Amino acid sequence: MNPTLESHAPVVLDVAGLALTADDRRRIAHPLTGGLILFARNWESRRQLTELTAEIKSLRPDCLICVDHEGGRVQRFRTDGFTALPPMRALGDQWMRDAMAATDAATALGHVLAAELRACGVDLSFAPVLDLDHGGSTVIGDRAFHRDPRVAALLAKSVAHGMQRAGMAHCGKHYPGHGFVKADSHVAVPVDRRSLKVLLADDAAPYGWLSSTLTAVMPAHVVYPKVDHRPAGFSERWLKEVLRERLGFTGAVFSDDLSMEGARHLDGAALTFTEAAALALQAGCDMVLLCNQSVDGGAAVDGLLEGLAAAAAEGRWSPDPDSEARRQALLPTAPPLAWDALMHDPAYQHALERLP
């Protein structure tokens, strides 16, 4: 292993099933692995999930266990006691009736979301969504709080507050905004032709207003050609000049899933996973996600881990000395309440009562 990589673990990978295989264990132990993302296929019951996360931690105590768990249609665990959370649009609708009650409900939702995940050993949820509801995006849709960036920012801040009350960091996404484009970056390369000035005053505004709140950010696989010809997650201008320098963000930056179509092409050329990961890291991402590649044996995951080490040795990317500290800062600092204790926790019970 390249000595410059010994304390840098930028890869977030996945596992295929309900329990770890020998290959999963080998990949989790790899020095470049810093996190693991769970999906619905990794869920059977609270007991099974808790045993899975405990084994992961036994192999790598510093492994950041993540999940996309927002509420609404993006909620990976829905049964065996997990609360069915409403989509974020429900909070925006409540805002229109009673703004202050909506902020309290948003804090309650973040608390319930995070406390239940933490009771099962999950460290981080990629929430809240900061995209604005422009009305045309099917992939965002009711995942957005509201069309008004001020409303979205305040409700997102309240959700983040609730998550932090339960001891969990959070991740605002998809910077600088995915809600305006109709194309889905899972299957296409969306293009947003608005200017930087317009974007900063509208979709990207919450990232500036929450620069002291957000613990992590995930950029969109969207091209904004009036700012940069590269998608935001591969753009030094978006990540270093705008997000870090102009908006002052100091937390961690995760790439979105590198297996999505929006991450697979650049300047008309198809990218390998290693090329995409190296470009994202060099552009300013601290961690890169490669999802759903373990289900067919995981050759792509092995290729990425080996390829990134080779790319660093060849000078195609250099670890940011601050990246590992940003990753470590996302790990919980206090033990969670076990599920049975959580069910009797007054703050959790009060939060349940305040859900929209």
Protein backbone atom coordinates (compact mmCIF):
# COMPACT_ATOMS: atom_id res chain seq x y z
CA MET A 1 0.00 0.00 0.00
CA ASN A 2 1.25 3.46 -0.89
CA PRO A 3 2.35 5.12 2.39
CA THR A 4 0.26 8.22 1.57
CA LEU A 5 -2.85 6.02 1.60
CA GLU A 6 -2.32 4.29 4.94
CA SER A 7 -4.56 6.73 6.82
CA HIS A 8 -7.02 7.48 4.03
CA ALA A 9 -10.16 5.40 3.55
CA PRO A 10 -12.32 7.04 0.87
CA VAL A 11 -14.38 4.14 -0.51
CA VAL A 12 -17.96 3.40 0.55
CA LEU A 13 -19.03 0.01 -0.77
CA ASP A 14 -21.98 -2.35 -0.26
CA VAL A 15 -22.63 -6.00 0.54
CA ALA A 16 -24.92 -8.37 -1.29
CA GLY A 17 -27.07 -9.99 1.36
CA LEU A 18 -28.31 -10.29 4.91
CA ALA A 19 -24.99 -11.48 6.34
CA LEU A 20 -21.35 -10.98 5.43
CA THR A 21 -19.53 -13.36 3.15
CA ALA A 22 -15.81 -14.05 3.21
CA ASP A 23 -15.40 -11.63 0.28
CA ASP A 24 -17.36 -8.95 2.15
CA ARG A 25 -15.10 -9.34 5.16
CA ARG A 26 -11.99 -9.10 3.00
CA ARG A 27 -13.22 -5.91 1.31
CA ILE A 28 -14.29 -4.27 4.57
CA ALA A 29 -10.79 -4.91 5.94
CA HIS A 30 -9.16 -3.24 2.93
CA PRO A 31 -7.32 -0.06 3.97
CA LEU A 32 -9.13 2.07 1.39
CA THR A 33 -12.57 1.06 2.66
CA GLY A 34 -13.99 3.75 4.91
CA GLY A 35 -17.71 3.05 4.81
CA LEU A 36 -20.48 0.72 3.85
CA ILE A 37 -23.94 1.57 2.50
CA LEU A 38 -26.95 -0.66 3.22
CA PHE A 39 -30.00 -1.28 1.03
CA ALA A 40 -33.39 -2.94 1.43
CA ARG A 41 -31.85 -6.24 0.31
CA ASN A 42 -29.71 -6.12 3.49
CA TRP A 43 -32.85 -5.98 5.67
CA GLU A 44 -34.87 -8.83 7.12
CA SER A 45 -35.45 -7.80 10.73
CA ARG A 46 -34.09 -5.54 13.43
CA ARG A 47 -32.21 -8.45 14.96
CA GLN A 48 -30.61 -9.40 11.65
CA LEU A 49 -29.66 -5.77 10.88
CA THR A 50 -28.17 -5.28 14.34
CA GLU A 51 -26.12 -8.47 14.00
CA LEU A 52 -24.93 -7.38 10.54
CA THR A 53 -23.79 -3.95 11.70
CA ALA A 54 -22.14 -5.44 14.79
CA GLU A 55 -20.08 -7.80 12.65
CA ILE A 56 -19.04 -4.94 10.38
CA LYS A 57 -17.88 -2.95 13.42
CA SER A 58 -16.05 -5.98 14.81
CA LEU A 59 -13.99 -6.04 11.62
CA ARG A 60 -13.56 -2.27 11.30
CA PRO A 61 -14.65 -0.21 14.32
CA ASP A 62 -14.15 2.98 12.28
CA CYS A 63 -16.24 1.82 9.31
CA LEU A 64 -18.97 4.41 8.67
CA ILE A 65 -22.22 2.44 8.19
CA CYS A 66 -24.58 4.45 5.99
CA VAL A 67 -28.02 4.20 4.42
CA ASP A 68 -30.39 6.24 2.25
CA HIS A 69 -33.25 6.63 4.73
CA GLU A 70 -35.16 9.86 4.12
CA GLY A 71 -38.81 8.94 4.62
CA GLY A 72 -41.49 8.49 1.99
CA ARG A 73 -40.43 6.31 -0.93
CA VAL A 74 -36.76 6.43 0.09
CA GLN A 75 -36.81 4.46 3.33
CA ARG A 76 -34.86 1.20 3.34
CA PHE A 77 -36.22 -0.29 6.58
CA ARG A 78 -39.99 -0.17 7.03
CA THR A 79 -41.09 -3.14 9.14
CA ASP A 80 -40.42 -4.79 12.51
CA GLY A 81 -40.97 -1.62 14.49
CA PHE A 82 -39.45 1.00 12.20
CA THR A 83 -41.69 4.06 11.92
CA ALA A 84 -43.10 4.74 8.44
CA LEU A 85 -41.84 8.27 7.89
CA PRO A 86 -43.65 10.69 5.57
CA PRO A 87 -41.93 12.26 2.56
CA MET A 88 -40.33 15.65 3.10
CA ARG A 89 -43.09 17.32 1.11
CA ALA A 90 -45.43 16.61 4.05
CA LEU A 91 -43.32 19.01 6.12
CA GLY A 92 -43.49 21.63 3.40
CA ASP A 93 -47.26 21.26 3.26
CA GLN A 94 -47.43 21.64 7.04
CA TRP A 95 -45.29 24.77 6.77
CA MET A 96 -47.97 26.38 4.63
CA ARG A 97 -50.48 25.80 7.45
CA ASP A 98 -48.29 26.48 10.49
CA ALA A 99 -44.61 27.27 9.93
CA MET A 100 -43.48 26.94 13.52
CA ALA A 101 -45.28 23.63 14.04
CA ALA A 102 -43.63 22.38 10.85
CA THR A 103 -40.14 23.13 12.15
CA ASP A 104 -40.91 21.22 15.35
CA ALA A 105 -42.30 18.30 13.32
CA ALA A 106 -39.16 18.33 11.18
CA THR A 107 -36.94 18.09 14.27
CA ALA A 108 -39.13 15.25 15.53
CA LEU A 109 -38.83 13.42 12.22
CA GLY A 110 -35.05 13.73 12.23
CA HIS A 111 -34.91 12.45 15.80
CA VAL A 112 -37.09 9.39 15.08
CA LEU A 113 -35.25 8.63 11.83
CA ALA A 114 -31.82 8.75 13.42
CA ALA A 115 -32.65 7.14 16.77
CA GLU A 116 -34.19 4.06 15.15
CA LEU A 117 -31.26 3.63 12.77
CA ARG A 118 -28.70 4.12 15.51
CA ALA A 119 -30.44 1.54 17.72
CA CYS A 120 -29.66 -0.98 14.96
CA GLY A 121 -26.05 0.09 14.49
CA VAL A 122 -26.32 2.49 11.54
CA ASP A 123 -24.10 5.58 11.80
CA LEU A 124 -25.29 7.95 9.05
CA SER A 125 -28.30 8.53 6.82
CA PHE A 126 -27.87 10.42 3.56
CA ALA A 127 -30.55 12.97 4.44
CA PRO A 128 -32.00 15.56 4.23
CA VAL A 129 -32.70 16.36 0.58
CA LEU A 130 -32.13 20.06 -0.12
CA ASP A 131 -33.35 19.94 -3.73
CA LEU A 132 -36.19 22.32 -4.52
CA ASP A 133 -39.56 21.18 -5.81
CA HIS A 134 -39.72 22.76 -9.26
CA GLY A 135 -42.49 20.34 -10.21
CA GLY A 136 -40.85 18.55 -13.15
CA SER A 137 -38.43 16.10 -11.56
CA THR A 138 -39.78 12.59 -11.05
CA VAL A 139 -36.65 11.38 -9.24
CA ILE A 140 -36.92 14.20 -6.67
CA GLY A 141 -40.66 14.91 -6.53
CA ASP A 142 -42.03 14.65 -3.01
CA ARG A 143 -38.54 14.07 -1.60
CA ALA A 144 -38.19 17.88 -1.68
CA PHE A 145 -39.51 20.01 1.15
CA HIS A 146 -40.70 22.96 -0.91
CA ARG A 147 -40.10 25.20 -3.92
CA ASP A 148 -38.89 28.11 -1.76
CA PRO A 149 -35.20 27.69 -0.83
CA ARG A 150 -35.78 29.53 2.46
CA VAL A 151 -38.44 27.03 3.52
CA ALA A 152 -36.33 24.09 2.38
CA ALA A 153 -33.32 25.38 4.30
CA LEU A 154 -35.18 25.94 7.56
CA LEU A 155 -36.95 22.58 7.45
CA ALA A 156 -33.71 20.80 6.54
CA LYS A 157 -31.97 22.53 9.43
CA SER A 158 -34.71 21.27 11.75
CA VAL A 159 -34.40 17.70 10.45
CA ALA A 160 -30.62 17.91 10.90
CA HIS A 161 -31.14 19.15 14.46
CA GLY A 162 -33.32 16.15 15.24
CA MET A 163 -30.76 13.76 13.79
CA GLN A 164 -28.01 15.37 15.85
CA ARG A 165 -30.16 15.05 18.99
CA ALA A 166 -30.08 11.31 18.36
CA GLY A 167 -26.31 11.39 17.87
CA MET A 168 -26.24 11.09 14.09
CA ALA A 169 -24.53 13.25 11.49
CA HIS A 170 -26.39 14.12 8.28
CA CYS A 171 -25.78 14.80 4.60
CA GLY A 172 -27.44 17.50 2.50
CA LYS A 173 -28.02 16.49 -1.12
CA HIS A 174 -27.83 16.92 -4.12
CA TYR A 175 -25.54 19.98 -4.35
CA PRO A 176 -26.01 22.48 -5.97
CA GLY A 177 -29.52 21.22 -6.83
CA HIS A 178 -31.16 18.36 -8.75
CA GLY A 179 -34.76 19.55 -8.58
CA PHE A 180 -34.80 21.77 -11.70
CA VAL A 181 -33.84 19.12 -14.26
CA LYS A 182 -36.31 16.47 -15.38
CA ALA A 183 -33.77 13.79 -16.32
CA ASP A 184 -32.86 11.17 -13.71
CA SER A 185 -29.10 10.92 -13.18
CA HIS A 186 -29.49 7.20 -12.43
CA VAL A 187 -30.17 6.60 -16.13
CA ALA A 188 -29.09 9.81 -17.91
CA VAL A 189 -26.78 12.81 -17.68
CA PRO A 190 -29.04 15.74 -16.69
CA VAL A 191 -28.08 19.23 -17.87
CA ASP A 192 -29.09 22.43 -16.06
CA ARG A 193 -28.32 25.48 -18.22
CA ARG A 194 -28.88 28.18 -15.59
CA SER A 195 -26.11 30.57 -14.62
CA LEU A 196 -24.06 30.44 -11.43
CA LYS A 197 -25.74 33.63 -10.24
CA VAL A 198 -29.21 32.12 -10.67
CA LEU A 199 -28.20 28.83 -9.05
CA LEU A 200 -26.63 30.51 -6.02
CA ALA A 201 -29.73 32.63 -5.51
CA ASP A 202 -32.12 29.68 -5.80
CA ASP A 203 -31.32 25.95 -5.65
CA ALA A 204 -27.85 26.31 -4.13
CA ALA A 205 -28.88 28.96 -1.60
CA PRO A 206 -29.59 26.46 1.23
CA TYR A 207 -25.97 25.27 1.13
CA GLY A 208 -24.76 28.77 1.95
CA TRP A 209 -27.36 29.35 4.63
CA LEU A 210 -26.54 25.96 6.21
CA SER A 211 -22.77 26.13 5.82
CA SER A 212 -22.37 26.09 9.62
CA THR A 213 -24.95 23.32 10.06
CA LEU A 214 -24.31 20.63 7.48
CA THR A 215 -21.95 17.84 8.49
CA ALA A 216 -21.75 16.39 4.97
CA VAL A 217 -22.82 17.20 1.41
CA MET A 218 -23.45 15.00 -1.63
CA PRO A 219 -23.12 16.65 -5.06
CA ALA A 220 -25.43 15.91 -7.97
CA HIS A 221 -24.48 13.98 -11.09
CA VAL A 222 -25.78 16.98 -13.06
CA VAL A 223 -23.90 19.14 -15.57
CA TYR A 224 -24.24 22.92 -15.23
CA PRO A 225 -22.48 24.00 -18.46
CA LYS A 226 -22.50 27.72 -17.66
CA VAL A 227 -20.38 26.91 -14.59
CA ASP A 228 -18.38 23.83 -15.62
CA HIS A 229 -18.62 21.17 -18.32
CA ARG A 230 -18.15 18.44 -15.71
CA PRO A 231 -20.92 17.15 -13.41
CA ALA A 232 -20.81 18.82 -9.99
CA GLY A 233 -19.35 15.74 -8.31
CA PHE A 234 -16.34 15.85 -10.65
CA SER A 235 -15.91 19.62 -10.68
CA GLU A 236 -13.19 21.42 -8.74
CA ARG A 237 -15.01 24.65 -9.46
CA TRP A 238 -18.21 23.44 -7.78
CA LEU A 239 -16.55 21.61 -4.90
CA LYS A 240 -13.45 23.63 -4.10
CA GLU A 241 -14.14 27.14 -5.41
CA VAL A 242 -17.88 27.45 -4.74
CA LEU A 243 -18.69 25.01 -1.92
CA ARG A 244 -15.48 25.29 0.10
CA GLU A 245 -14.21 28.79 -0.65
CA ARG A 246 -17.30 30.82 -1.50
CA LEU A 247 -19.88 29.13 0.74
CA GLY A 248 -17.41 28.20 3.49
CA PHE A 249 -18.43 24.55 3.91
CA THR A 250 -15.98 22.58 6.07
CA GLY A 251 -17.65 19.16 6.37
CA ALA A 252 -17.30 15.96 4.35
CA VAL A 253 -18.20 15.60 0.67
CA PHE A 254 -19.51 12.27 -0.62
CA SER A 255 -19.82 11.47 -4.30
CA ASP A 256 -23.18 10.12 -5.35
CA ASP A 257 -23.17 6.51 -6.56
CA LEU A 258 -20.46 6.10 -9.21
CA SER A 259 -22.46 3.34 -10.91
CA MET A 260 -25.18 5.82 -11.93
CA GLU A 261 -25.31 6.81 -15.58
CA GLY A 262 -24.63 10.45 -14.70
CA ALA A 263 -21.23 9.42 -13.32
CA ARG A 264 -20.17 7.09 -16.11
CA HIS A 265 -19.37 9.56 -18.87
CA LEU A 266 -17.16 12.63 -19.09
CA ASP A 267 -16.34 14.70 -22.17
CA GLY A 268 -18.06 12.10 -24.32
CA ALA A 269 -15.95 9.21 -23.03
CA ALA A 270 -17.07 6.29 -20.88
CA LEU A 271 -15.35 6.08 -17.50
CA THR A 272 -14.30 3.04 -15.53
CA PHE A 273 -15.24 3.03 -11.86
CA THR A 274 -11.61 3.68 -10.94
CA GLU A 275 -11.37 6.63 -13.33
CA ALA A 276 -14.61 8.09 -12.01
CA ALA A 277 -13.52 7.65 -8.38
CA ALA A 278 -10.10 9.21 -8.97
CA LEU A 279 -11.65 12.18 -10.77
CA ALA A 280 -14.20 12.71 -7.99
CA LEU A 281 -11.56 12.53 -5.26
CA GLN A 282 -9.23 14.85 -7.14
CA ALA A 283 -12.08 17.31 -7.68
CA GLY A 284 -12.77 17.58 -3.95
CA CYS A 285 -14.86 14.61 -2.80
CA ASP A 286 -13.64 13.08 0.45
CA MET A 287 -15.43 9.77 -0.10
CA VAL A 288 -16.79 7.92 -3.14
CA LEU A 289 -19.75 5.55 -3.25
CA LEU A 290 -19.96 2.47 -5.43
CA CYS A 291 -23.35 0.84 -4.97
CA ASN A 292 -25.01 -2.40 -6.05
CA GLN A 293 -21.82 -3.90 -7.44
CA SER A 294 -21.45 -6.67 -4.86
CA VAL A 295 -24.57 -8.55 -5.96
CA ASP A 296 -22.88 -10.34 -8.87
CA GLY A 297 -19.73 -11.38 -7.04
CA GLY A 298 -18.16 -7.98 -6.46
CA ALA A 299 -15.48 -7.97 -9.16
CA ALA A 300 -16.17 -4.27 -9.77
CA VAL A 301 -15.65 -3.52 -6.07
CA ASP A 302 -12.33 -5.35 -6.02
CA GLY A 303 -11.34 -3.57 -9.20
CA LEU A 304 -12.05 -0.18 -7.64
CA LEU A 305 -10.08 -0.90 -4.46
CA GLU A 306 -7.10 -2.17 -6.43
CA GLY A 307 -7.42 0.49 -9.12
CA LEU A 308 -7.54 3.41 -6.70
CA ALA A 309 -4.37 2.28 -5.00
CA ALA A 310 -2.67 2.04 -8.40
CA ALA A 311 -4.07 5.43 -9.47
CA ALA A 312 -2.58 7.07 -6.39
CA ALA A 313 0.79 5.44 -7.03
CA GLU A 314 0.66 6.78 -10.59
CA GLY A 315 -0.23 10.29 -9.42
CA ARG A 316 -3.76 10.31 -10.88
CA TRP A 317 -5.13 11.41 -7.51
CA SER A 318 -3.62 12.54 -4.23
CA PRO A 319 -5.35 12.08 -0.88
CA ASP A 320 -6.50 15.31 0.73
CA PRO A 321 -4.84 15.35 4.16
CA ASP A 322 -8.09 16.64 5.71
CA SER A 323 -10.39 14.03 4.16
CA GLU A 324 -9.86 11.31 6.73
CA ALA A 325 -10.52 13.71 9.60
CA ARG A 326 -13.78 14.74 7.93
CA ARG A 327 -14.79 11.08 7.60
CA GLN A 328 -13.92 10.31 11.20
CA ALA A 329 -15.94 13.33 12.37
CA LEU A 330 -19.10 11.68 11.00
CA LEU A 331 -18.78 8.66 13.30
CA PRO A 332 -21.06 8.76 16.37
CA THR A 333 -19.32 9.84 19.55
CA ALA A 334 -21.78 8.35 22.06
CA PRO A 335 -23.35 4.89 22.22
CA PRO A 336 -26.95 4.66 20.98
CA LEU A 337 -29.96 3.67 22.99
CA ALA A 338 -30.78 0.01 22.43
CA TRP A 339 -34.18 -0.56 20.85
CA ASP A 340 -35.98 -1.54 24.06
CA ALA A 341 -34.57 1.48 25.88
CA LEU A 342 -35.48 3.71 22.96
CA MET A 343 -39.11 2.60 23.17
CA HIS A 344 -39.22 4.02 26.71
CA ASP A 345 -37.24 7.18 26.01
CA PRO A 346 -39.42 10.27 26.67
CA ALA A 347 -37.74 12.39 23.99
CA TYR A 348 -38.26 9.70 21.36
CA GLN A 349 -41.88 9.16 22.37
CA HIS A 350 -42.53 12.90 22.23
CA ALA A 351 -40.95 13.03 18.77
CA LEU A 352 -43.27 10.25 17.57
CA GLU A 353 -46.26 12.31 18.68
CA ARG A 354 -45.04 15.36 16.72
CA LEU A 355 -44.56 13.66 13.35
CA PRO A 356 -46.59 15.23 10.52
